[in-house]
Amino acid sequence: MGLVGNILTFPFAPVRGVGWVVDKVRQAAEEEYYDPAPVQEELVNLERARTEGRIDEEQFARREEELLHRLEEISAYRLQQDTPPGS
């Protein structure tokens, strides 16, 4: 974009800046939400709680199923992100 284009679109610079910030916040939130490490850590803690007798088998099975489902969701999302559009 040339000098004239920059001058004419200058009043919209704050809007573009806000859009950029919103996009960065969205990206950071997605990275955090789809990070498998906390789910894996919770699975380890869940197993520890079961072996130490702090939860029974039924509670363990129910929570383990939830966590494994969450890992599948994360895996599917990451696979989708790695696939080029239109493939």
PDB file of N, CA and C in Angstrom:
ATOM      1  N   MET A   1       0.859  -1.163   0.000  1.00  0.00           N
ATOM      2  CA  MET A   1       0.000   0.000   0.000  1.00  0.00           C
ATOM      3  C   MET A   1       0.909   1.230   0.000  1.00  0.00           C
ATOM      4  N   GLY A   2       0.582   2.161  -0.825  1.00  0.00           N
ATOM      5  CA  GLY A   2       1.398   3.355  -0.965  1.00  0.00           C
ATOM      6  C   GLY A   2       1.121   4.380   0.114  1.00  0.00           C
ATOM      7  N   LEU A   3       1.788   5.481  -0.008  1.00  0.00           N
ATOM      8  CA  LEU A   3       1.662   6.557   0.975  1.00  0.00           C
ATOM      9  C   LEU A   3       0.229   7.067   1.061  1.00  0.00           C
ATOM     10  N   VAL A   4      -0.407   7.259  -0.088  1.00  0.00           N
ATOM     11  CA  VAL A   4      -1.784   7.753  -0.096  1.00  0.00           C
ATOM     12  C   VAL A   4      -2.707   6.737   0.586  1.00  0.00           C
ATOM     13  N   GLY A   5      -2.518   5.474   0.289  1.00  0.00           N
ATOM     14  CA  GLY A   5      -3.333   4.437   0.917  1.00  0.00           C
ATOM     15  C   GLY A   5      -3.151   4.426   2.423  1.00  0.00           C
ATOM     16  N   ASN A   6      -1.910   4.574   2.884  1.00  0.00           N
ATOM     17  CA  ASN A   6      -1.646   4.622   4.321  1.00  0.00           C
ATOM     18  C   ASN A   6      -2.315   5.821   4.968  1.00  0.00           C
ATOM     19  N   ILE A   7      -2.269   6.952   4.310  1.00  0.00           N
ATOM     20  CA  ILE A   7      -2.885   8.163   4.858  1.00  0.00           C
ATOM     21  C   ILE A   7      -4.403   8.009   4.926  1.00  0.00           C
ATOM     22  N   LEU A   8      -4.985   7.455   3.868  1.00  0.00           N
ATOM     23  CA  LEU A   8      -6.443   7.311   3.836  1.00  0.00           C
ATOM     24  C   LEU A   8      -6.951   6.275   4.838  1.00  0.00           C
ATOM     25  N   THR A   9      -6.176   5.244   5.099  1.00  0.00           N
ATOM     26  CA  THR A   9      -6.631   4.208   6.033  1.00  0.00           C
ATOM     27  C   THR A   9      -6.128   4.427   7.454  1.00  0.00           C
ATOM     28  N   PHE A  10      -5.372   5.474   7.685  1.00  0.00           N
ATOM     29  CA  PHE A  10      -4.826   5.747   9.017  1.00  0.00           C
ATOM     30  C   PHE A  10      -5.906   5.826  10.101  1.00  0.00           C
ATOM     31  N   PRO A  11      -7.066   6.455   9.839  1.00  0.00           N
ATOM     32  CA  PRO A  11      -8.095   6.508  10.893  1.00  0.00           C
ATOM     33  C   PRO A  11      -8.571   5.124  11.349  1.00  0.00           C
ATOM     34  N   PHE A  12      -8.374   4.104  10.540  1.00  0.00           N
ATOM     35  CA  PHE A  12      -8.817   2.759  10.905  1.00  0.00           C
ATOM     36  C   PHE A  12      -7.739   1.958  11.623  1.00  0.00           C
ATOM     37  N   ALA A  13      -6.589   2.553  11.848  1.00  0.00           N
ATOM     38  CA  ALA A  13      -5.481   1.843  12.504  1.00  0.00           C
ATOM     39  C   ALA A  13      -5.872   1.294  13.878  1.00  0.00           C
ATOM     40  N   PRO A  14      -6.584   2.053  14.722  1.00  0.00           N
ATOM     41  CA  PRO A  14      -6.971   1.487  16.027  1.00  0.00           C
ATOM     42  C   PRO A  14      -7.855   0.244  15.898  1.00  0.00           C
ATOM     43  N   VAL A  15      -8.718   0.233  14.908  1.00  0.00           N
ATOM     44  CA  VAL A  15      -9.599  -0.918  14.700  1.00  0.00           C
ATOM     45  C   VAL A  15      -8.767  -2.131  14.295  1.00  0.00           C
ATOM     46  N   ARG A  16      -7.821  -1.937  13.388  1.00  0.00           N
ATOM     47  CA  ARG A  16      -6.946  -3.038  12.989  1.00  0.00           C
ATOM     48  C   ARG A  16      -6.129  -3.516  14.176  1.00  0.00           C
ATOM     49  N   GLY A  17      -5.676  -2.587  15.014  1.00  0.00           N
ATOM     50  CA  GLY A  17      -4.900  -2.955  16.199  1.00  0.00           C
ATOM     51  C   GLY A  17      -5.710  -3.781  17.177  1.00  0.00           C
ATOM     52  N   VAL A  18      -6.953  -3.402  17.386  1.00  0.00           N
ATOM     53  CA  VAL A  18      -7.836  -4.150  18.285  1.00  0.00           C
ATOM     54  C   VAL A  18      -8.085  -5.545  17.709  1.00  0.00           C
ATOM     55  N   GLY A  19      -8.295  -5.625  16.416  1.00  0.00           N
ATOM     56  CA  GLY A  19      -8.497  -6.926  15.771  1.00  0.00           C
ATOM     57  C   GLY A  19      -7.284  -7.824  15.938  1.00  0.00           C
ATOM     58  N   TRP A  20      -6.103  -7.249  15.826  1.00  0.00           N
ATOM     59  CA  TRP A  20      -4.868  -8.019  15.998  1.00  0.00           C
ATOM     60  C   TRP A  20      -4.766  -8.553  17.423  1.00  0.00           C
ATOM     61  N   VAL A  21      -5.069  -7.703  18.400  1.00  0.00           N
ATOM     62  CA  VAL A  21      -5.006  -8.110  19.805  1.00  0.00           C
ATOM     63  C   VAL A  21      -6.029  -9.210  20.085  1.00  0.00           C
ATOM     64  N   VAL A  22      -7.224  -9.060  19.586  1.00  0.00           N
ATOM     65  CA  VAL A  22      -8.263 -10.073  19.787  1.00  0.00           C
ATOM     66  C   VAL A  22      -7.824 -11.408  19.187  1.00  0.00           C
ATOM     67  N   ASP A  23      -7.209 -11.367  18.009  1.00  0.00           N
ATOM     68  CA  ASP A  23      -6.734 -12.592  17.381  1.00  0.00           C
ATOM     69  C   ASP A  23      -5.639 -13.251  18.224  1.00  0.00           C
ATOM     70  N   LYS A  24      -4.729 -12.468  18.768  1.00  0.00           N
ATOM     71  CA  LYS A  24      -3.661 -13.021  19.610  1.00  0.00           C
ATOM     72  C   LYS A  24      -4.225 -13.623  20.890  1.00  0.00           C
ATOM     73  N   VAL A  25      -5.210 -12.985  21.490  1.00  0.00           N
ATOM     74  CA  VAL A  25      -5.847 -13.518  22.703  1.00  0.00           C
ATOM     75  C   VAL A  25      -6.558 -14.824  22.384  1.00  0.00           C
ATOM     76  N   ARG A  26      -7.258 -14.875  21.241  1.00  0.00           N
ATOM     77  CA  ARG A  26      -7.936 -16.099  20.816  1.00  0.00           C
ATOM     78  C   ARG A  26      -6.935 -17.234  20.615  1.00  0.00           C
ATOM     79  N   GLN A  27      -5.821 -16.933  19.960  1.00  0.00           N
ATOM     80  CA  GLN A  27      -4.798 -17.956  19.736  1.00  0.00           C
ATOM     81  C   GLN A  27      -4.242 -18.484  21.058  1.00  0.00           C
ATOM     82  N   ALA A  28      -3.953 -17.582  21.991  1.00  0.00           N
ATOM     83  CA  ALA A  28      -3.416 -17.994  23.294  1.00  0.00           C
ATOM     84  C   ALA A  28      -4.431 -18.846  24.057  1.00  0.00           C
ATOM     85  N   ALA A  29      -5.696 -18.459  23.996  1.00  0.00           N
ATOM     86  CA  ALA A  29      -6.739 -19.227  24.684  1.00  0.00           C
ATOM     87  C   ALA A  29      -6.884 -20.620  24.077  1.00  0.00           C
ATOM     88  N   GLU A  30      -6.838 -20.714  22.755  1.00  0.00           N
ATOM     89  CA  GLU A  30      -6.928 -22.023  22.109  1.00  0.00           C
ATOM     90  C   GLU A  30      -5.731 -22.897  22.462  1.00  0.00           C
ATOM     91  N   GLU A  31      -4.539 -22.315  22.464  1.00  0.00           N
ATOM     92  CA  GLU A  31      -3.343 -23.084  22.824  1.00  0.00           C
ATOM     93  C   GLU A  31      -3.456 -23.634  24.241  1.00  0.00           C
ATOM     94  N   GLU A  32      -3.963 -22.818  25.145  1.00  0.00           N
ATOM     95  CA  GLU A  32      -4.107 -23.267  26.534  1.00  0.00           C
ATOM     96  C   GLU A  32      -5.200 -24.322  26.656  1.00  0.00           C
ATOM     97  N   TYR A  33      -6.320 -24.099  25.992  1.00  0.00           N
ATOM     98  CA  TYR A  33      -7.455 -25.021  26.088  1.00  0.00           C
ATOM     99  C   TYR A  33      -7.131 -26.379  25.472  1.00  0.00           C
ATOM    100  N   TYR A  34      -6.378 -26.364  24.390  1.00  0.00           N
ATOM    101  CA  TYR A  34      -6.057 -27.604  23.683  1.00  0.00           C
ATOM    102  C   TYR A  34      -4.674 -28.150  24.022  1.00  0.00           C
ATOM    103  N   ASP A  35      -4.127 -27.774  25.159  1.00  0.00           N
ATOM    104  CA  ASP A  35      -2.846 -28.307  25.624  1.00  0.00           C
ATOM    105  C   ASP A  35      -3.112 -29.626  26.360  1.00  0.00           C
ATOM    106  N   PRO A  36      -2.517 -30.731  25.895  1.00  0.00           N
ATOM    107  CA  PRO A  36      -2.802 -32.011  26.534  1.00  0.00           C
ATOM    108  C   PRO A  36      -2.084 -32.207  27.876  1.00  0.00           C
ATOM    109  N   ALA A  37      -1.060 -31.427  28.174  1.00  0.00           N
ATOM    110  CA  ALA A  37      -0.261 -31.634  29.388  1.00  0.00           C
ATOM    111  C   ALA A  37      -1.091 -31.590  30.673  1.00  0.00           C
ATOM    112  N   PRO A  38      -1.967 -30.609  30.882  1.00  0.00           N
ATOM    113  CA  PRO A  38      -2.752 -30.610  32.124  1.00  0.00           C
ATOM    114  C   PRO A  38      -3.680 -31.824  32.247  1.00  0.00           C
ATOM    115  N   VAL A  39      -4.221 -32.275  31.135  1.00  0.00           N
ATOM    116  CA  VAL A  39      -5.110 -33.443  31.167  1.00  0.00           C
ATOM    117  C   VAL A  39      -4.297 -34.690  31.517  1.00  0.00           C
ATOM    118  N   GLN A  40      -3.121 -34.817  30.919  1.00  0.00           N
ATOM    119  CA  GLN A  40      -2.259 -35.961  31.222  1.00  0.00           C
ATOM    120  C   GLN A  40      -1.827 -35.936  32.688  1.00  0.00           C
ATOM    121  N   GLU A  41      -1.515 -34.748  33.189  1.00  0.00           N
ATOM    122  CA  GLU A  41      -1.136 -34.625  34.599  1.00  0.00           C
ATOM    123  C   GLU A  41      -2.298 -35.010  35.510  1.00  0.00           C
ATOM    124  N   GLU A  42      -3.501 -34.615  35.125  1.00  0.00           N
ATOM    125  CA  GLU A  42      -4.670 -34.974  35.929  1.00  0.00           C
ATOM    126  C   GLU A  42      -4.910 -36.488  35.915  1.00  0.00           C
ATOM    127  N   LEU A  43      -4.616 -37.139  34.771  1.00  0.00           N
ATOM    128  CA  LEU A  43      -4.724 -38.599  34.721  1.00  0.00           C
ATOM    129  C   LEU A  43      -3.744 -39.252  35.689  1.00  0.00           C
ATOM    130  N   VAL A  44      -2.531 -38.740  35.751  1.00  0.00           N
ATOM    131  CA  VAL A  44      -1.529 -39.266  36.683  1.00  0.00           C
ATOM    132  C   VAL A  44      -2.003 -39.073  38.124  1.00  0.00           C
ATOM    133  N   ASN A  45      -2.503 -37.881  38.429  1.00  0.00           N
ATOM    134  CA  ASN A  45      -3.000 -37.600  39.782  1.00  0.00           C
ATOM    135  C   ASN A  45      -4.205 -38.471  40.127  1.00  0.00           C
ATOM    136  N   LEU A  46      -5.030 -38.737  39.126  1.00  0.00           N
ATOM    137  CA  LEU A  46      -6.190 -39.596  39.334  1.00  0.00           C
ATOM    138  C   LEU A  46      -5.748 -41.017  39.674  1.00  0.00           C
ATOM    139  N   GLU A  47      -4.780 -41.521  38.953  1.00  0.00           N
ATOM    140  CA  GLU A  47      -4.252 -42.860  39.227  1.00  0.00           C
ATOM    141  C   GLU A  47      -3.642 -42.918  40.629  1.00  0.00           C
ATOM    142  N   ARG A  48      -2.930 -41.868  41.004  1.00  0.00           N
ATOM    143  CA  ARG A  48      -2.327 -41.803  42.337  1.00  0.00           C
ATOM    144  C   ARG A  48      -3.407 -41.817  43.412  1.00  0.00           C
ATOM    145  N   ALA A  49      -4.474 -41.053  43.189  1.00  0.00           N
ATOM    146  CA  ALA A  49      -5.574 -41.005  44.158  1.00  0.00           C
ATOM    147  C   ALA A  49      -6.225 -42.381  44.314  1.00  0.00           C
ATOM    148  N   ARG A  50      -6.335 -43.112  43.206  1.00  0.00           N
ATOM    149  CA  ARG A  50      -6.932 -44.451  43.264  1.00  0.00           C
ATOM    150  C   ARG A  50      -6.028 -45.417  44.022  1.00  0.00           C
ATOM    151  N   THR A  51      -4.730 -45.387  43.726  1.00  0.00           N
ATOM    152  CA  THR A  51      -3.819 -46.317  44.400  1.00  0.00           C
ATOM    153  C   THR A  51      -3.675 -45.994  45.880  1.00  0.00           C
ATOM    154  N   GLU A  52      -3.847 -44.717  46.233  1.00  0.00           N
ATOM    155  CA  GLU A  52      -3.761 -44.329  47.644  1.00  0.00           C
ATOM    156  C   GLU A  52      -5.096 -44.512  48.371  1.00  0.00           C
ATOM    157  N   GLY A  53      -6.136 -44.907  47.645  1.00  0.00           N
ATOM    158  CA  GLY A  53      -7.429 -45.164  48.261  1.00  0.00           C
ATOM    159  C   GLY A  53      -8.261 -43.930  48.521  1.00  0.00           C
ATOM    160  N   ARG A  54      -7.914 -42.802  47.913  1.00  0.00           N
ATOM    161  CA  ARG A  54      -8.684 -41.578  48.128  1.00  0.00           C
ATOM    162  C   ARG A  54      -9.957 -41.534  47.303  1.00  0.00           C
ATOM    163  N   ILE A  55     -10.013 -42.339  46.239  1.00  0.00           N
ATOM    164  CA  ILE A  55     -11.241 -42.464  45.448  1.00  0.00           C
ATOM    165  C   ILE A  55     -11.481 -43.939  45.167  1.00  0.00           C
ATOM    166  N   ASP A  56     -12.737 -44.279  44.939  1.00  0.00           N
ATOM    167  CA  ASP A  56     -13.043 -45.685  44.652  1.00  0.00           C
ATOM    168  C   ASP A  56     -12.976 -45.935  43.137  1.00  0.00           C
ATOM    169  N   GLU A  57     -13.158 -47.192  42.775  1.00  0.00           N
ATOM    170  CA  GLU A  57     -13.037 -47.596  41.364  1.00  0.00           C
ATOM    171  C   GLU A  57     -14.074 -46.921  40.476  1.00  0.00           C
ATOM    172  N   GLU A  58     -15.281 -46.758  41.000  1.00  0.00           N
ATOM    173  CA  GLU A  58     -16.342 -46.134  40.208  1.00  0.00           C
ATOM    174  C   GLU A  58     -16.006 -44.680  39.889  1.00  0.00           C
ATOM    175  N   GLN A  59     -15.569 -43.933  40.894  1.00  0.00           N
ATOM    176  CA  GLN A  59     -15.175 -42.543  40.672  1.00  0.00           C
ATOM    177  C   GLN A  59     -14.003 -42.464  39.698  1.00  0.00           C
ATOM    178  N   PHE A  60     -13.049 -43.381  39.891  1.00  0.00           N
ATOM    179  CA  PHE A  60     -11.884 -43.414  39.023  1.00  0.00           C
ATOM    180  C   PHE A  60     -12.299 -43.656  37.569  1.00  0.00           C
ATOM    181  N   ALA A  61     -13.132 -44.646  37.347  1.00  0.00           N
ATOM    182  CA  ALA A  61     -13.545 -45.000  35.987  1.00  0.00           C
ATOM    183  C   ALA A  61     -14.297 -43.856  35.323  1.00  0.00           C
ATOM    184  N   ARG A  62     -15.191 -43.223  36.066  1.00  0.00           N
ATOM    185  CA  ARG A  62     -15.975 -42.117  35.515  1.00  0.00           C
ATOM    186  C   ARG A  62     -15.075 -40.944  35.121  1.00  0.00           C
ATOM    187  N   ARG A  63     -14.181 -40.554  36.020  1.00  0.00           N
ATOM    188  CA  ARG A  63     -13.300 -39.413  35.742  1.00  0.00           C
ATOM    189  C   ARG A  63     -12.274 -39.759  34.661  1.00  0.00           C
ATOM    190  N   GLU A  64     -11.779 -40.990  34.673  1.00  0.00           N
ATOM    191  CA  GLU A  64     -10.825 -41.402  33.646  1.00  0.00           C
ATOM    192  C   GLU A  64     -11.469 -41.329  32.263  1.00  0.00           C
ATOM    193  N   GLU A  65     -12.720 -41.763  32.162  1.00  0.00           N
ATOM    194  CA  GLU A  65     -13.427 -41.703  30.885  1.00  0.00           C
ATOM    195  C   GLU A  65     -13.554 -40.253  30.404  1.00  0.00           C
ATOM    196  N   GLU A  66     -13.873 -39.339  31.316  1.00  0.00           N
ATOM    197  CA  GLU A  66     -13.977 -37.922  30.957  1.00  0.00           C
ATOM    198  C   GLU A  66     -12.642 -37.389  30.444  1.00  0.00           C
ATOM    199  N   LEU A  67     -11.573 -37.720  31.144  1.00  0.00           N
ATOM    200  CA  LEU A  67     -10.253 -37.218  30.762  1.00  0.00           C
ATOM    201  C   LEU A  67      -9.789 -37.815  29.436  1.00  0.00           C
ATOM    202  N   LEU A  68     -10.054 -39.093  29.225  1.00  0.00           N
ATOM    203  CA  LEU A  68      -9.669 -39.711  27.959  1.00  0.00           C
ATOM    204  C   LEU A  68     -10.470 -39.130  26.800  1.00  0.00           C
ATOM    205  N   HIS A  69     -11.752 -38.832  27.048  1.00  0.00           N
ATOM    206  CA  HIS A  69     -12.564 -38.168  26.026  1.00  0.00           C
ATOM    207  C   HIS A  69     -11.978 -36.791  25.702  1.00  0.00           C
ATOM    208  N   ARG A  70     -11.549 -36.081  26.723  1.00  0.00           N
ATOM    209  CA  ARG A  70     -10.938 -34.755  26.513  1.00  0.00           C
ATOM    210  C   ARG A  70      -9.651 -34.877  25.689  1.00  0.00           C
ATOM    211  N   LEU A  71      -8.839 -35.893  25.962  1.00  0.00           N
ATOM    212  CA  LEU A  71      -7.622 -36.101  25.175  1.00  0.00           C
ATOM    213  C   LEU A  71      -7.952 -36.408  23.715  1.00  0.00           C
ATOM    214  N   GLU A  72      -9.012 -37.169  23.483  1.00  0.00           N
ATOM    215  CA  GLU A  72      -9.441 -37.437  22.110  1.00  0.00           C
ATOM    216  C   GLU A  72      -9.866 -36.153  21.412  1.00  0.00           C
ATOM    217  N   GLU A  73     -10.574 -35.295  22.129  1.00  0.00           N
ATOM    218  CA  GLU A  73     -10.999 -34.006  21.581  1.00  0.00           C
ATOM    219  C   GLU A  73      -9.779 -33.160  21.212  1.00  0.00           C
ATOM    220  N   ILE A  74      -8.792 -33.118  22.091  1.00  0.00           N
ATOM    221  CA  ILE A  74      -7.572 -32.360  21.839  1.00  0.00           C
ATOM    222  C   ILE A  74      -6.840 -32.922  20.629  1.00  0.00           C
ATOM    223  N   SER A  75      -6.748 -34.238  20.560  1.00  0.00           N
ATOM    224  CA  SER A  75      -6.070 -34.881  19.439  1.00  0.00           C
ATOM    225  C   SER A  75      -6.770 -34.570  18.118  1.00  0.00           C
ATOM    226  N   ALA A  76      -8.087 -34.641  18.109  1.00  0.00           N
ATOM    227  CA  ALA A  76      -8.857 -34.336  16.896  1.00  0.00           C
ATOM    228  C   ALA A  76      -8.653 -32.884  16.477  1.00  0.00           C
ATOM    229  N   TYR A  77      -8.653 -31.962  17.438  1.00  0.00           N
ATOM    230  CA  TYR A  77      -8.442 -30.550  17.130  1.00  0.00           C
ATOM    231  C   TYR A  77      -7.062 -30.336  16.529  1.00  0.00           C
ATOM    232  N   ARG A  78      -6.045 -30.933  17.135  1.00  0.00           N
ATOM    233  CA  ARG A  78      -4.676 -30.761  16.639  1.00  0.00           C
ATOM    234  C   ARG A  78      -4.517 -31.376  15.253  1.00  0.00           C
ATOM    235  N   LEU A  79      -5.151 -32.485  15.008  1.00  0.00           N
ATOM    236  CA  LEU A  79      -5.108 -33.115  13.694  1.00  0.00           C
ATOM    237  C   LEU A  79      -5.780 -32.211  12.665  1.00  0.00           C
ATOM    238  N   GLN A  80      -6.893 -31.614  13.043  1.00  0.00           N
ATOM    239  CA  GLN A  80      -7.601 -30.695  12.150  1.00  0.00           C
ATOM    240  C   GLN A  80      -6.733 -29.471  11.845  1.00  0.00           C
ATOM    241  N   GLN A  81      -5.986 -28.986  12.827  1.00  0.00           N
ATOM    242  CA  GLN A  81      -5.136 -27.815  12.619  1.00  0.00           C
ATOM    243  C   GLN A  81      -3.970 -28.134  11.680  1.00  0.00           C
ATOM    244  N   ASP A  82      -3.532 -29.390  11.676  1.00  0.00           N
ATOM    245  CA  ASP A  82      -2.405 -29.795  10.831  1.00  0.00           C
ATOM    246  C   ASP A  82      -2.836 -30.081   9.399  1.00  0.00           C
ATOM    247  N   THR A  83      -4.145 -30.270   9.177  1.00  0.00           N
ATOM    248  CA  THR A  83      -4.652 -30.572   7.845  1.00  0.00           C
ATOM    249  C   THR A  83      -4.875 -29.280   7.085  1.00  0.00           C
ATOM    250  N   PRO A  84      -4.277 -29.160   5.888  1.00  0.00           N
ATOM    251  CA  PRO A  84      -4.493 -27.950   5.090  1.00  0.00           C
ATOM    252  C   PRO A  84      -5.963 -27.822   4.661  1.00  0.00           C
ATOM    253  N   PRO A  85      -6.485 -26.585   4.584  1.00  0.00           N
ATOM    254  CA  PRO A  85      -7.866 -26.386   4.170  1.00  0.00           C
ATOM    255  C   PRO A  85      -8.117 -26.967   2.771  1.00  0.00           C
ATOM    256  N   GLY A  86      -9.286 -27.563   2.589  1.00  0.00           N
ATOM    257  CA  GLY A  86      -9.657 -28.124   1.303  1.00  0.00           C
ATOM    258  C   GLY A  86      -9.136 -29.518   1.062  1.00  0.00           C
ATOM    259  N   SER A  87      -8.475 -30.120   2.074  1.00  0.00           N
ATOM    260  CA  SER A  87      -7.945 -31.485   1.894  1.00  0.00           C
ATOM    261  C   SER A  87      -8.946 -32.518   2.319  1.00  0.00           C
TER     262      SER A  87
END
